[in-house]
Amino acid sequence: MSPTLIFFGVSILVLIIAVGLVFFTNRRKNDNGLTPLAGLSFGFILAGLIFGSYRLIGYSLLGVGVVLAVLDMQRRSKDG
């Protein structure tokens, strides 16, 4: 087996385990959903990963996403 095939196999296995944990763990009724700020930060991070080949744009988008995520965490900790 080639190392690339092993890597893909392990990646798929980890993804299946993560999905299983999400769906089969104890779900609480009062789960806090994704806030609009967290969704926006998630979008910026995904855009940064997509435009990763253009380093300046990719890293800038990743940085904005991380800053927004930190702001969201700070805002949620004050509310809770």
C-alpha atoms as a PDB file:
ATOM      1  CA  MET A   1       0.000   0.000   0.000  1.00  0.00           C
ATOM      2  CA  SER A   2       1.199   3.461  -0.793  1.00  0.00           C
ATOM      3  CA  PRO A   3       1.494   6.108   1.944  1.00  0.00           C
ATOM      4  CA  THR A   4      -1.120   8.248   0.187  1.00  0.00           C
ATOM      5  CA  LEU A   5      -3.677   5.453   0.287  1.00  0.00           C
ATOM      6  CA  ILE A   6      -2.970   4.849   3.976  1.00  0.00           C
ATOM      7  CA  PHE A   7      -3.384   8.568   4.679  1.00  0.00           C
ATOM      8  CA  PHE A   8      -6.750   8.677   2.897  1.00  0.00           C
ATOM      9  CA  GLY A   9      -7.918   5.562   4.732  1.00  0.00           C
ATOM     10  CA  VAL A  10      -6.998   6.981   8.132  1.00  0.00           C
ATOM     11  CA  SER A  11      -8.623  10.321   7.230  1.00  0.00           C
ATOM     12  CA  ILE A  12     -11.879   8.645   6.249  1.00  0.00           C
ATOM     13  CA  LEU A  13     -11.830   6.545   9.419  1.00  0.00           C
ATOM     14  CA  VAL A  14     -11.337   9.649  11.590  1.00  0.00           C
ATOM     15  CA  LEU A  15     -14.158  11.415   9.738  1.00  0.00           C
ATOM     16  CA  ILE A  16     -16.522   8.475  10.311  1.00  0.00           C
ATOM     17  CA  ILE A  17     -15.649   8.401  14.014  1.00  0.00           C
ATOM     18  CA  ALA A  18     -16.222  12.169  14.322  1.00  0.00           C
ATOM     19  CA  VAL A  19     -19.606  11.957  12.595  1.00  0.00           C
ATOM     20  CA  GLY A  20     -20.572   9.025  14.816  1.00  0.00           C
ATOM     21  CA  LEU A  21     -19.657  10.964  17.938  1.00  0.00           C
ATOM     22  CA  VAL A  22     -21.694  13.954  16.815  1.00  0.00           C
ATOM     23  CA  PHE A  23     -24.813  11.944  16.049  1.00  0.00           C
ATOM     24  CA  PHE A  24     -24.714   9.426  18.877  1.00  0.00           C
ATOM     25  CA  THR A  25     -23.639  11.545  21.834  1.00  0.00           C
ATOM     26  CA  ASN A  26     -26.158  12.787  24.366  1.00  0.00           C
ATOM     27  CA  ARG A  27     -27.932  15.781  22.853  1.00  0.00           C
ATOM     28  CA  ARG A  28     -29.304  18.386  25.223  1.00  0.00           C
ATOM     29  CA  LYS A  29     -32.484  20.271  24.387  1.00  0.00           C
ATOM     30  CA  ASN A  30     -30.991  23.655  25.284  1.00  0.00           C
ATOM     31  CA  ASP A  31     -27.980  23.299  23.011  1.00  0.00           C
ATOM     32  CA  ASN A  32     -26.688  26.675  22.017  1.00  0.00           C
ATOM     33  CA  GLY A  33     -26.711  26.939  18.265  1.00  0.00           C
ATOM     34  CA  LEU A  34     -24.299  28.663  15.980  1.00  0.00           C
ATOM     35  CA  THR A  35     -24.422  32.420  16.453  1.00  0.00           C
ATOM     36  CA  PRO A  36     -24.353  34.673  13.393  1.00  0.00           C
ATOM     37  CA  LEU A  37     -20.873  35.882  14.349  1.00  0.00           C
ATOM     38  CA  ALA A  38     -19.605  32.307  14.639  1.00  0.00           C
ATOM     39  CA  GLY A  39     -21.134  31.476  11.271  1.00  0.00           C
ATOM     40  CA  LEU A  40     -19.444  34.476   9.712  1.00  0.00           C
ATOM     41  CA  SER A  41     -16.097  33.487  11.214  1.00  0.00           C
ATOM     42  CA  PHE A  42     -16.584  29.933   9.934  1.00  0.00           C
ATOM     43  CA  GLY A  43     -17.224  31.332   6.461  1.00  0.00           C
ATOM     44  CA  PHE A  44     -14.077  33.459   6.569  1.00  0.00           C
ATOM     45  CA  ILE A  45     -11.991  30.482   7.687  1.00  0.00           C
ATOM     46  CA  LEU A  46     -13.400  28.310   4.893  1.00  0.00           C
ATOM     47  CA  ALA A  47     -12.737  31.071   2.362  1.00  0.00           C
ATOM     48  CA  GLY A  48      -9.184  31.336   3.669  1.00  0.00           C
ATOM     49  CA  LEU A  49      -8.693  27.615   3.153  1.00  0.00           C
ATOM     50  CA  ILE A  50     -10.157  27.795  -0.344  1.00  0.00           C
ATOM     51  CA  PHE A  51      -7.945  30.725  -1.337  1.00  0.00           C
ATOM     52  CA  GLY A  52      -4.904  29.219   0.386  1.00  0.00           C
ATOM     53  CA  SER A  53      -2.888  29.147  -2.809  1.00  0.00           C
ATOM     54  CA  TYR A  54      -2.909  32.962  -2.789  1.00  0.00           C
ATOM     55  CA  ARG A  55      -1.087  33.403   0.489  1.00  0.00           C
ATOM     56  CA  LEU A  56      -1.882  37.035   1.209  1.00  0.00           C
ATOM     57  CA  ILE A  57      -5.605  36.598   0.613  1.00  0.00           C
ATOM     58  CA  GLY A  58      -5.793  33.185   2.309  1.00  0.00           C
ATOM     59  CA  TYR A  59      -3.954  34.197   5.454  1.00  0.00           C
ATOM     60  CA  SER A  60      -5.889  37.456   5.697  1.00  0.00           C
ATOM     61  CA  LEU A  61      -9.215  35.638   5.513  1.00  0.00           C
ATOM     62  CA  LEU A  62      -8.052  33.070   8.070  1.00  0.00           C
ATOM     63  CA  GLY A  63      -6.938  35.860  10.398  1.00  0.00           C
ATOM     64  CA  VAL A  64     -10.280  37.666  10.136  1.00  0.00           C
ATOM     65  CA  GLY A  65     -12.083  34.387  10.835  1.00  0.00           C
ATOM     66  CA  VAL A  66     -10.019  33.663  13.922  1.00  0.00           C
ATOM     67  CA  VAL A  67     -10.490  37.195  15.273  1.00  0.00           C
ATOM     68  CA  LEU A  68     -14.264  36.928  14.785  1.00  0.00           C
ATOM     69  CA  ALA A  69     -14.307  33.531  16.500  1.00  0.00           C
ATOM     70  CA  VAL A  70     -12.414  34.936  19.492  1.00  0.00           C
ATOM     71  CA  LEU A  71     -14.817  37.885  19.680  1.00  0.00           C
ATOM     72  CA  ASP A  72     -17.747  35.473  19.591  1.00  0.00           C
ATOM     73  CA  MET A  73     -16.256  33.361  22.381  1.00  0.00           C
ATOM     74  CA  GLN A  74     -15.670  36.465  24.479  1.00  0.00           C
ATOM     75  CA  ARG A  75     -19.214  37.708  23.885  1.00  0.00           C
ATOM     76  CA  ARG A  76     -20.725  34.296  24.742  1.00  0.00           C
ATOM     77  CA  SER A  77     -18.703  34.008  27.949  1.00  0.00           C
ATOM     78  CA  LYS A  78     -20.063  37.357  29.141  1.00  0.00           C
ATOM     79  CA  ASP A  79     -23.639  36.328  28.354  1.00  0.00           C
ATOM     80  CA  GLY A  80     -23.384  32.971  30.113  1.00  0.00           C
END
